[in-house]
PDB file of N, CA and C in Angstrom:
ATOM      1  N   MET A   1      26.612 -67.298 -43.084  1.00  0.00           N
ATOM      2  CA  MET A   1      26.524 -68.507 -42.314  1.00  0.00           C
ATOM      3  C   MET A   1      25.497 -68.301 -41.208  1.00  0.00           C
ATOM      4  N   PRO A   2      24.543 -69.213 -41.081  1.00  0.00           N
ATOM      5  CA  PRO A   2      23.506 -69.044 -40.071  1.00  0.00           C
ATOM      6  C   PRO A   2      24.043 -69.266 -38.659  1.00  0.00           C
ATOM      7  N   ALA A   3      23.416 -68.589 -37.713  1.00  0.00           N
ATOM      8  CA  ALA A   3      23.783 -68.773 -36.313  1.00  0.00           C
ATOM      9  C   ALA A   3      23.296 -70.137 -35.832  1.00  0.00           C
ATOM     10  N   ILE A   4      23.941 -70.642 -34.828  1.00  0.00           N
ATOM     11  CA  ILE A   4      23.531 -71.914 -34.233  1.00  0.00           C
ATOM     12  C   ILE A   4      22.464 -71.625 -33.197  1.00  0.00           C
ATOM     13  N   SER A   5      21.328 -72.288 -33.341  1.00  0.00           N
ATOM     14  CA  SER A   5      20.232 -72.044 -32.409  1.00  0.00           C
ATOM     15  C   SER A   5      20.432 -72.846 -31.121  1.00  0.00           C
ATOM     16  N   THR A   6      19.844 -72.340 -30.066  1.00  0.00           N
ATOM     17  CA  THR A   6      19.898 -72.985 -28.764  1.00  0.00           C
ATOM     18  C   THR A   6      18.650 -73.821 -28.584  1.00  0.00           C
ATOM     19  N   PRO A   7      18.699 -74.996 -28.046  1.00  0.00           N
ATOM     20  CA  PRO A   7      19.901 -75.717 -27.607  1.00  0.00           C
ATOM     21  C   PRO A   7      20.515 -76.524 -28.739  1.00  0.00           C
ATOM     22  N   SER A   8      21.812 -76.596 -28.739  1.00  0.00           N
ATOM     23  CA  SER A   8      22.551 -77.391 -29.718  1.00  0.00           C
ATOM     24  C   SER A   8      23.658 -78.140 -28.999  1.00  0.00           C
ATOM     25  N   ILE A   9      24.168 -79.158 -29.662  1.00  0.00           N
ATOM     26  CA  ILE A   9      25.325 -79.886 -29.133  1.00  0.00           C
ATOM     27  C   ILE A   9      26.559 -79.327 -29.836  1.00  0.00           C
ATOM     28  N   ILE A  10      27.492 -78.821 -29.028  1.00  0.00           N
ATOM     29  CA  ILE A  10      28.712 -78.217 -29.560  1.00  0.00           C
ATOM     30  C   ILE A  10      29.914 -79.022 -29.066  1.00  0.00           C
ATOM     31  N   LEU A  11      30.760 -79.424 -29.998  1.00  0.00           N
ATOM     32  CA  LEU A  11      31.993 -80.130 -29.664  1.00  0.00           C
ATOM     33  C   LEU A  11      33.083 -79.091 -29.394  1.00  0.00           C
ATOM     34  N   VAL A  12      33.758 -79.210 -28.259  1.00  0.00           N
ATOM     35  CA  VAL A  12      34.856 -78.303 -27.921  1.00  0.00           C
ATOM     36  C   VAL A  12      36.113 -79.147 -27.726  1.00  0.00           C
ATOM     37  N   THR A  13      37.052 -79.033 -28.656  1.00  0.00           N
ATOM     38  CA  THR A  13      38.328 -79.732 -28.497  1.00  0.00           C
ATOM     39  C   THR A  13      39.210 -78.888 -27.587  1.00  0.00           C
ATOM     40  N   GLY A  14      40.067 -79.532 -26.828  1.00  0.00           N
ATOM     41  CA  GLY A  14      40.920 -78.786 -25.897  1.00  0.00           C
ATOM     42  C   GLY A  14      40.135 -78.161 -24.764  1.00  0.00           C
ATOM     43  N   VAL A  15      39.044 -78.797 -24.374  1.00  0.00           N
ATOM     44  CA  VAL A  15      38.159 -78.239 -23.355  1.00  0.00           C
ATOM     45  C   VAL A  15      38.849 -78.117 -21.997  1.00  0.00           C
ATOM     46  N   ASN A  16      39.907 -78.863 -21.762  1.00  0.00           N
ATOM     47  CA  ASN A  16      40.606 -78.783 -20.490  1.00  0.00           C
ATOM     48  C   ASN A  16      41.632 -77.654 -20.437  1.00  0.00           C
ATOM     49  N   GLY A  17      41.795 -76.919 -21.518  1.00  0.00           N
ATOM     50  CA  GLY A  17      42.692 -75.769 -21.516  1.00  0.00           C
ATOM     51  C   GLY A  17      42.004 -74.527 -20.972  1.00  0.00           C
ATOM     52  N   TYR A  18      42.772 -73.502 -20.750  1.00  0.00           N
ATOM     53  CA  TYR A  18      42.248 -72.249 -20.191  1.00  0.00           C
ATOM     54  C   TYR A  18      41.129 -71.673 -21.054  1.00  0.00           C
ATOM     55  N   ILE A  19      41.379 -71.536 -22.329  1.00  0.00           N
ATOM     56  CA  ILE A  19      40.371 -70.968 -23.231  1.00  0.00           C
ATOM     57  C   ILE A  19      39.221 -71.960 -23.432  1.00  0.00           C
ATOM     58  N   GLY A  20      39.547 -73.229 -23.594  1.00  0.00           N
ATOM     59  CA  GLY A  20      38.523 -74.243 -23.801  1.00  0.00           C
ATOM     60  C   GLY A  20      37.519 -74.306 -22.669  1.00  0.00           C
ATOM     61  N   ALA A  21      37.984 -74.223 -21.433  1.00  0.00           N
ATOM     62  CA  ALA A  21      37.085 -74.260 -20.277  1.00  0.00           C
ATOM     63  C   ALA A  21      36.185 -73.036 -20.250  1.00  0.00           C
ATOM     64  N   HIS A  22      36.717 -71.883 -20.606  1.00  0.00           N
ATOM     65  CA  HIS A  22      35.899 -70.662 -20.643  1.00  0.00           C
ATOM     66  C   HIS A  22      34.865 -70.722 -21.767  1.00  0.00           C
ATOM     67  N   VAL A  23      35.255 -71.263 -22.908  1.00  0.00           N
ATOM     68  CA  VAL A  23      34.305 -71.416 -24.016  1.00  0.00           C
ATOM     69  C   VAL A  23      33.193 -72.379 -23.609  1.00  0.00           C
ATOM     70  N   ALA A  24      33.555 -73.479 -22.980  1.00  0.00           N
ATOM     71  CA  ALA A  24      32.554 -74.448 -22.524  1.00  0.00           C
ATOM     72  C   ALA A  24      31.596 -73.807 -21.527  1.00  0.00           C
ATOM     73  N   GLN A  25      32.129 -73.042 -20.592  1.00  0.00           N
ATOM     74  CA  GLN A  25      31.289 -72.358 -19.597  1.00  0.00           C
ATOM     75  C   GLN A  25      30.300 -71.418 -20.277  1.00  0.00           C
ATOM     76  N   SER A  26      30.765 -70.681 -21.245  1.00  0.00           N
ATOM     77  CA  SER A  26      29.889 -69.752 -21.965  1.00  0.00           C
ATOM     78  C   SER A  26      28.793 -70.495 -22.728  1.00  0.00           C
ATOM     79  N   LEU A  27      29.169 -71.551 -23.415  1.00  0.00           N
ATOM     80  CA  LEU A  27      28.183 -72.339 -24.160  1.00  0.00           C
ATOM     81  C   LEU A  27      27.141 -72.950 -23.234  1.00  0.00           C
ATOM     82  N   LEU A  28      27.592 -73.515 -22.128  1.00  0.00           N
ATOM     83  CA  LEU A  28      26.674 -74.116 -21.164  1.00  0.00           C
ATOM     84  C   LEU A  28      25.726 -73.077 -20.572  1.00  0.00           C
ATOM     85  N   SER A  29      26.250 -71.920 -20.235  1.00  0.00           N
ATOM     86  CA  SER A  29      25.410 -70.879 -19.634  1.00  0.00           C
ATOM     87  C   SER A  29      24.394 -70.311 -20.623  1.00  0.00           C
ATOM     88  N   HIS A  30      24.642 -70.511 -21.905  1.00  0.00           N
ATOM     89  CA  HIS A  30      23.696 -70.076 -22.934  1.00  0.00           C
ATOM     90  C   HIS A  30      22.759 -71.205 -23.383  1.00  0.00           C
ATOM     91  N   GLY A  31      22.778 -72.334 -22.655  1.00  0.00           N
ATOM     92  CA  GLY A  31      21.823 -73.397 -22.903  1.00  0.00           C
ATOM     93  C   GLY A  31      22.245 -74.505 -23.844  1.00  0.00           C
ATOM     94  N   HIS A  32      23.487 -74.475 -24.291  1.00  0.00           N
ATOM     95  CA  HIS A  32      23.968 -75.520 -25.191  1.00  0.00           C
ATOM     96  C   HIS A  32      24.445 -76.737 -24.407  1.00  0.00           C
ATOM     97  N   THR A  33      24.506 -77.858 -25.071  1.00  0.00           N
ATOM     98  CA  THR A  33      25.151 -79.048 -24.538  1.00  0.00           C
ATOM     99  C   THR A  33      26.571 -79.065 -25.085  1.00  0.00           C
ATOM    100  N   VAL A  34      27.531 -79.322 -24.216  1.00  0.00           N
ATOM    101  CA  VAL A  34      28.937 -79.336 -24.621  1.00  0.00           C
ATOM    102  C   VAL A  34      29.463 -80.761 -24.572  1.00  0.00           C
ATOM    103  N   ARG A  35      30.052 -81.178 -25.664  1.00  0.00           N
ATOM    104  CA  ARG A  35      30.786 -82.439 -25.732  1.00  0.00           C
ATOM    105  C   ARG A  35      32.252 -82.042 -25.786  1.00  0.00           C
ATOM    106  N   GLY A  36      32.928 -82.164 -24.664  1.00  0.00           N
ATOM    107  CA  GLY A  36      34.316 -81.730 -24.556  1.00  0.00           C
ATOM    108  C   GLY A  36      35.290 -82.847 -24.857  1.00  0.00           C
ATOM    109  N   VAL A  37      36.332 -82.533 -25.599  1.00  0.00           N
ATOM    110  CA  VAL A  37      37.347 -83.517 -25.962  1.00  0.00           C
ATOM    111  C   VAL A  37      38.590 -83.305 -25.109  1.00  0.00           C
ATOM    112  N   VAL A  38      39.037 -84.403 -24.482  1.00  0.00           N
ATOM    113  CA  VAL A  38      40.279 -84.422 -23.705  1.00  0.00           C
ATOM    114  C   VAL A  38      41.124 -85.594 -24.193  1.00  0.00           C
ATOM    115  N   ARG A  39      42.403 -85.577 -23.852  1.00  0.00           N
ATOM    116  CA  ARG A  39      43.295 -86.651 -24.295  1.00  0.00           C
ATOM    117  C   ARG A  39      43.309 -87.848 -23.356  1.00  0.00           C
ATOM    118  N   SER A  40      42.793 -87.662 -22.120  1.00  0.00           N
ATOM    119  CA  SER A  40      42.729 -88.768 -21.167  1.00  0.00           C
ATOM    120  C   SER A  40      41.611 -88.505 -20.164  1.00  0.00           C
ATOM    121  N   GLU A  41      41.136 -89.575 -19.529  1.00  0.00           N
ATOM    122  CA  GLU A  41      40.109 -89.454 -18.495  1.00  0.00           C
ATOM    123  C   GLU A  41      40.598 -88.543 -17.363  1.00  0.00           C
ATOM    124  N   ALA A  42      41.868 -88.683 -17.010  1.00  0.00           N
ATOM    125  CA  ALA A  42      42.433 -87.890 -15.919  1.00  0.00           C
ATOM    126  C   ALA A  42      42.343 -86.389 -16.198  1.00  0.00           C
ATOM    127  N   LYS A  43      42.540 -86.002 -17.457  1.00  0.00           N
ATOM    128  CA  LYS A  43      42.461 -84.582 -17.813  1.00  0.00           C
ATOM    129  C   LYS A  43      41.031 -84.055 -17.707  1.00  0.00           C
ATOM    130  N   GLY A  44      40.055 -84.945 -17.777  1.00  0.00           N
ATOM    131  CA  GLY A  44      38.666 -84.534 -17.718  1.00  0.00           C
ATOM    132  C   GLY A  44      38.074 -84.468 -16.331  1.00  0.00           C
ATOM    133  N   LYS A  45      38.705 -85.119 -15.355  1.00  0.00           N
ATOM    134  CA  LYS A  45      38.153 -85.167 -14.001  1.00  0.00           C
ATOM    135  C   LYS A  45      37.888 -83.789 -13.397  1.00  0.00           C
ATOM    136  N   PRO A  46      38.816 -82.848 -13.472  1.00  0.00           N
ATOM    137  CA  PRO A  46      38.539 -81.528 -12.897  1.00  0.00           C
ATOM    138  C   PRO A  46      37.354 -80.827 -13.576  1.00  0.00           C
ATOM    139  N   LEU A  47      37.155 -81.098 -14.857  1.00  0.00           N
ATOM    140  CA  LEU A  47      36.051 -80.471 -15.579  1.00  0.00           C
ATOM    141  C   LEU A  47      34.705 -81.021 -15.130  1.00  0.00           C
ATOM    142  N   LYS A  48      34.660 -82.315 -14.829  1.00  0.00           N
ATOM    143  CA  LYS A  48      33.430 -82.917 -14.317  1.00  0.00           C
ATOM    144  C   LYS A  48      32.992 -82.201 -13.040  1.00  0.00           C
ATOM    145  N   GLU A  49      33.954 -81.885 -12.199  1.00  0.00           N
ATOM    146  CA  GLU A  49      33.656 -81.164 -10.959  1.00  0.00           C
ATOM    147  C   GLU A  49      33.274 -79.712 -11.253  1.00  0.00           C
ATOM    148  N   LEU A  50      34.019 -79.070 -12.132  1.00  0.00           N
ATOM    149  CA  LEU A  50      33.763 -77.673 -12.466  1.00  0.00           C
ATOM    150  C   LEU A  50      32.371 -77.461 -13.049  1.00  0.00           C
ATOM    151  N   PHE A  51      31.933 -78.386 -13.893  1.00  0.00           N
ATOM    152  CA  PHE A  51      30.650 -78.247 -14.578  1.00  0.00           C
ATOM    153  C   PHE A  51      29.576 -79.184 -14.032  1.00  0.00           C
ATOM    154  N   LYS A  52      29.697 -79.573 -12.765  1.00  0.00           N
ATOM    155  CA  LYS A  52      28.742 -80.535 -12.203  1.00  0.00           C
ATOM    156  C   LYS A  52      27.310 -80.009 -12.191  1.00  0.00           C
ATOM    157  N   GLU A  53      27.127 -78.706 -12.145  1.00  0.00           N
ATOM    158  CA  GLU A  53      25.765 -78.154 -12.176  1.00  0.00           C
ATOM    159  C   GLU A  53      25.107 -78.345 -13.549  1.00  0.00           C
ATOM    160  N   TYR A  54      25.912 -78.621 -14.566  1.00  0.00           N
ATOM    161  CA  TYR A  54      25.406 -78.875 -15.920  1.00  0.00           C
ATOM    162  C   TYR A  54      25.493 -80.366 -16.257  1.00  0.00           C
ATOM    163  N   ASP A  55      25.370 -81.208 -15.254  1.00  0.00           N
ATOM    164  CA  ASP A  55      25.621 -82.646 -15.374  1.00  0.00           C
ATOM    165  C   ASP A  55      25.069 -83.273 -16.646  1.00  0.00           C
ATOM    166  N   ASP A  56      23.839 -82.996 -16.981  1.00  0.00           N
ATOM    167  CA  ASP A  56      23.229 -83.625 -18.158  1.00  0.00           C
ATOM    168  C   ASP A  56      23.574 -82.918 -19.458  1.00  0.00           C
ATOM    169  N   LYS A  57      24.272 -81.794 -19.383  1.00  0.00           N
ATOM    170  CA  LYS A  57      24.611 -81.036 -20.592  1.00  0.00           C
ATOM    171  C   LYS A  57      26.111 -80.977 -20.877  1.00  0.00           C
ATOM    172  N   PHE A  58      26.907 -81.591 -20.024  1.00  0.00           N
ATOM    173  CA  PHE A  58      28.353 -81.602 -20.227  1.00  0.00           C
ATOM    174  C   PHE A  58      28.844 -83.043 -20.277  1.00  0.00           C
ATOM    175  N   HIS A  59      29.446 -83.409 -21.396  1.00  0.00           N
ATOM    176  CA  HIS A  59      29.937 -84.773 -21.605  1.00  0.00           C
ATOM    177  C   HIS A  59      31.371 -84.722 -22.105  1.00  0.00           C
ATOM    178  N   LEU A  60      32.142 -85.711 -21.726  1.00  0.00           N
ATOM    179  CA  LEU A  60      33.533 -85.797 -22.171  1.00  0.00           C
ATOM    180  C   LEU A  60      33.729 -86.953 -23.138  1.00  0.00           C
ATOM    181  N   VAL A  61      34.609 -86.728 -24.097  1.00  0.00           N
ATOM    182  CA  VAL A  61      35.036 -87.749 -25.050  1.00  0.00           C
ATOM    183  C   VAL A  61      36.561 -87.769 -25.003  1.00  0.00           C
ATOM    184  N   VAL A  62      37.127 -88.944 -24.906  1.00  0.00           N
ATOM    185  CA  VAL A  62      38.587 -89.073 -24.886  1.00  0.00           C
ATOM    186  C   VAL A  62      39.085 -89.362 -26.295  1.00  0.00           C
ATOM    187  N   VAL A  63      39.982 -88.500 -26.770  1.00  0.00           N
ATOM    188  CA  VAL A  63      40.672 -88.698 -28.052  1.00  0.00           C
ATOM    189  C   VAL A  63      42.163 -88.644 -27.717  1.00  0.00           C
ATOM    190  N   PRO A  64      42.774 -89.807 -27.493  1.00  0.00           N
ATOM    191  CA  PRO A  64      44.158 -89.821 -27.021  1.00  0.00           C
ATOM    192  C   PRO A  64      45.190 -89.302 -28.023  1.00  0.00           C
ATOM    193  N   ASP A  65      44.930 -89.472 -29.316  1.00  0.00           N
ATOM    194  CA  ASP A  65      45.899 -89.034 -30.324  1.00  0.00           C
ATOM    195  C   ASP A  65      45.169 -88.291 -31.437  1.00  0.00           C
ATOM    196  N   VAL A  66      45.286 -86.974 -31.427  1.00  0.00           N
ATOM    197  CA  VAL A  66      44.580 -86.148 -32.414  1.00  0.00           C
ATOM    198  C   VAL A  66      45.178 -86.283 -33.812  1.00  0.00           C
ATOM    199  N   ASN A  67      46.331 -86.922 -33.921  1.00  0.00           N
ATOM    200  CA  ASN A  67      46.973 -87.096 -35.226  1.00  0.00           C
ATOM    201  C   ASN A  67      46.425 -88.290 -36.005  1.00  0.00           C
ATOM    202  N   VAL A  68      45.639 -89.132 -35.361  1.00  0.00           N
ATOM    203  CA  VAL A  68      45.039 -90.285 -36.028  1.00  0.00           C
ATOM    204  C   VAL A  68      43.944 -89.778 -36.962  1.00  0.00           C
ATOM    205  N   LEU A  69      43.921 -90.281 -38.183  1.00  0.00           N
ATOM    206  CA  LEU A  69      43.002 -89.799 -39.203  1.00  0.00           C
ATOM    207  C   LEU A  69      41.541 -89.808 -38.755  1.00  0.00           C
ATOM    208  N   GLU A  70      41.095 -90.859 -38.131  1.00  0.00           N
ATOM    209  CA  GLU A  70      39.689 -90.978 -37.723  1.00  0.00           C
ATOM    210  C   GLU A  70      39.479 -90.587 -36.257  1.00  0.00           C
ATOM    211  N   ALA A  71      40.375 -89.826 -35.675  1.00  0.00           N
ATOM    212  CA  ALA A  71      40.344 -89.529 -34.242  1.00  0.00           C
ATOM    213  C   ALA A  71      39.022 -88.927 -33.775  1.00  0.00           C
ATOM    214  N   TYR A  72      38.423 -88.069 -34.572  1.00  0.00           N
ATOM    215  CA  TYR A  72      37.218 -87.362 -34.142  1.00  0.00           C
ATOM    216  C   TYR A  72      35.927 -87.915 -34.750  1.00  0.00           C
ATOM    217  N   ASP A  73      35.997 -89.014 -35.476  1.00  0.00           N
ATOM    218  CA  ASP A  73      34.810 -89.543 -36.160  1.00  0.00           C
ATOM    219  C   ASP A  73      33.625 -89.746 -35.224  1.00  0.00           C
ATOM    220  N   ASP A  74      33.838 -90.419 -34.104  1.00  0.00           N
ATOM    221  CA  ASP A  74      32.741 -90.652 -33.163  1.00  0.00           C
ATOM    222  C   ASP A  74      32.362 -89.378 -32.413  1.00  0.00           C
ATOM    223  N   ALA A  75      33.345 -88.565 -32.089  1.00  0.00           N
ATOM    224  CA  ALA A  75      33.094 -87.357 -31.301  1.00  0.00           C
ATOM    225  C   ALA A  75      32.189 -86.358 -32.022  1.00  0.00           C
ATOM    226  N   VAL A  76      32.271 -86.275 -33.333  1.00  0.00           N
ATOM    227  CA  VAL A  76      31.493 -85.272 -34.071  1.00  0.00           C
ATOM    228  C   VAL A  76      30.085 -85.731 -34.436  1.00  0.00           C
ATOM    229  N   LYS A  77      29.773 -86.989 -34.206  1.00  0.00           N
ATOM    230  CA  LYS A  77      28.445 -87.491 -34.569  1.00  0.00           C
ATOM    231  C   LYS A  77      27.358 -86.759 -33.784  1.00  0.00           C
ATOM    232  N   GLY A  78      26.442 -86.160 -34.518  1.00  0.00           N
ATOM    233  CA  GLY A  78      25.297 -85.499 -33.902  1.00  0.00           C
ATOM    234  C   GLY A  78      25.520 -84.085 -33.405  1.00  0.00           C
ATOM    235  N   VAL A  79      26.702 -83.521 -33.634  1.00  0.00           N
ATOM    236  CA  VAL A  79      26.939 -82.154 -33.164  1.00  0.00           C
ATOM    237  C   VAL A  79      26.474 -81.136 -34.203  1.00  0.00           C
ATOM    238  N   THR A  80      26.150 -79.952 -33.723  1.00  0.00           N
ATOM    239  CA  THR A  80      25.725 -78.859 -34.587  1.00  0.00           C
ATOM    240  C   THR A  80      26.906 -77.966 -34.952  1.00  0.00           C
ATOM    241  N   GLY A  81      27.876 -77.882 -34.046  1.00  0.00           N
ATOM    242  CA  GLY A  81      29.029 -77.021 -34.283  1.00  0.00           C
ATOM    243  C   GLY A  81      30.267 -77.542 -33.582  1.00  0.00           C
ATOM    244  N   VAL A  82      31.416 -77.040 -34.003  1.00  0.00           N
ATOM    245  CA  VAL A  82      32.703 -77.437 -33.429  1.00  0.00           C
ATOM    246  C   VAL A  82      33.508 -76.185 -33.107  1.00  0.00           C
ATOM    247  N   VAL A  83      34.059 -76.145 -31.890  1.00  0.00           N
ATOM    248  CA  VAL A  83      35.026 -75.116 -31.518  1.00  0.00           C
ATOM    249  C   VAL A  83      36.340 -75.876 -31.329  1.00  0.00           C
ATOM    250  N   HIS A  84      37.259 -75.696 -32.268  1.00  0.00           N
ATOM    251  CA  HIS A  84      38.503 -76.475 -32.276  1.00  0.00           C
ATOM    252  C   HIS A  84      39.621 -75.679 -31.623  1.00  0.00           C
ATOM    253  N   LEU A  85      39.971 -76.077 -30.393  1.00  0.00           N
ATOM    254  CA  LEU A  85      40.976 -75.349 -29.620  1.00  0.00           C
ATOM    255  C   LEU A  85      42.186 -76.196 -29.247  1.00  0.00           C
ATOM    256  N   SER A  86      42.189 -77.459 -29.625  1.00  0.00           N
ATOM    257  CA  SER A  86      43.345 -78.297 -29.291  1.00  0.00           C
ATOM    258  C   SER A  86      44.368 -78.238 -30.411  1.00  0.00           C
ATOM    259  N   THR A  87      45.558 -78.684 -30.077  1.00  0.00           N
ATOM    260  CA  THR A  87      46.634 -78.728 -31.054  1.00  0.00           C
ATOM    261  C   THR A  87      47.468 -79.975 -30.794  1.00  0.00           C
ATOM    262  N   PRO A  88      48.040 -80.560 -31.822  1.00  0.00           N
ATOM    263  CA  PRO A  88      48.906 -81.720 -31.582  1.00  0.00           C
ATOM    264  C   PRO A  88      50.099 -81.312 -30.726  1.00  0.00           C
ATOM    265  N   LEU A  89      50.480 -82.196 -29.822  1.00  0.00           N
ATOM    266  CA  LEU A  89      51.655 -81.926 -29.000  1.00  0.00           C
ATOM    267  C   LEU A  89      52.908 -82.140 -29.823  1.00  0.00           C
ATOM    268  N   PRO A  90      53.910 -81.251 -29.685  1.00  0.00           N
ATOM    269  CA  PRO A  90      55.142 -81.448 -30.458  1.00  0.00           C
ATOM    270  C   PRO A  90      55.881 -82.698 -29.983  1.00  0.00           C
ATOM    271  N   GLN A  91      56.522 -83.347 -30.912  1.00  0.00           N
ATOM    272  CA  GLN A  91      57.314 -84.526 -30.568  1.00  0.00           C
ATOM    273  C   GLN A  91      58.698 -84.081 -30.124  1.00  0.00           C
ATOM    274  N   ALA A  92      59.185 -84.699 -29.079  1.00  0.00           N
ATOM    275  CA  ALA A  92      60.488 -84.330 -28.530  1.00  0.00           C
ATOM    276  C   ALA A  92      61.616 -84.553 -29.535  1.00  0.00           C
ATOM    277  N   SER A  93      61.414 -85.458 -30.487  1.00  0.00           N
ATOM    278  CA  SER A  93      62.486 -85.795 -31.423  1.00  0.00           C
ATOM    279  C   SER A  93      62.558 -84.848 -32.625  1.00  0.00           C
ATOM    280  N   VAL A  94      61.645 -83.908 -32.732  1.00  0.00           N
ATOM    281  CA  VAL A  94      61.657 -83.000 -33.880  1.00  0.00           C
ATOM    282  C   VAL A  94      62.699 -81.919 -33.642  1.00  0.00           C
ATOM    283  N   SER A  95      63.720 -81.880 -34.482  1.00  0.00           N
ATOM    284  CA  SER A  95      64.751 -80.868 -34.341  1.00  0.00           C
ATOM    285  C   SER A  95      64.613 -79.771 -35.394  1.00  0.00           C
ATOM    286  N   ASP A  96      64.049 -80.101 -36.537  1.00  0.00           N
ATOM    287  CA  ASP A  96      63.870 -79.129 -37.612  1.00  0.00           C
ATOM    288  C   ASP A  96      62.395 -78.730 -37.683  1.00  0.00           C
ATOM    289  N   VAL A  97      61.986 -77.839 -36.791  1.00  0.00           N
ATOM    290  CA  VAL A  97      60.577 -77.456 -36.698  1.00  0.00           C
ATOM    291  C   VAL A  97      60.091 -76.820 -37.998  1.00  0.00           C
ATOM    292  N   ASP A  98      60.873 -75.902 -38.561  1.00  0.00           N
ATOM    293  CA  ASP A  98      60.448 -75.243 -39.812  1.00  0.00           C
ATOM    294  C   ASP A  98      60.293 -76.257 -40.929  1.00  0.00           C
ATOM    295  N   GLY A  99      61.159 -77.234 -40.996  1.00  0.00           N
ATOM    296  CA  GLY A  99      61.085 -78.262 -42.024  1.00  0.00           C
ATOM    297  C   GLY A  99      59.851 -79.135 -41.854  1.00  0.00           C
ATOM    298  N   LYS A 100      59.390 -79.327 -40.642  1.00  0.00           N
ATOM    299  CA  LYS A 100      58.214 -80.150 -40.372  1.00  0.00           C
ATOM    300  C   LYS A 100      56.915 -79.376 -40.604  1.00  0.00           C
ATOM    301  N   LEU A 101      56.945 -78.060 -40.398  1.00  0.00           N
ATOM    302  CA  LEU A 101      55.726 -77.258 -40.507  1.00  0.00           C
ATOM    303  C   LEU A 101      55.505 -76.665 -41.887  1.00  0.00           C
ATOM    304  N   PHE A 102      56.595 -76.363 -42.613  1.00  0.00           N
ATOM    305  CA  PHE A 102      56.426 -75.655 -43.875  1.00  0.00           C
ATOM    306  C   PHE A 102      56.930 -76.447 -45.053  1.00  0.00           C
TER     307      PHE A 102
END
């Protein structure tokens, strides 16, 4: 698999998480543009401040429900790579976790 050349647009899901923010920082510092996915505008506000020095290279996309089939259709348009770090949130009503996962 070929390496991704710089500069590229990289989609980072879960960018507001601990690992996601560090991955975004690394990508930005290496000259990439990061399109970060968050579940709400509010979750993205701290990142806008954190990455303000990369203003033109850091963009947020809101995907409120990652379980929707077409949730990432617009977010992936034009990207060179994807770092997928988000996960669906468990539903409070799920009592048989093994039955739902396997």
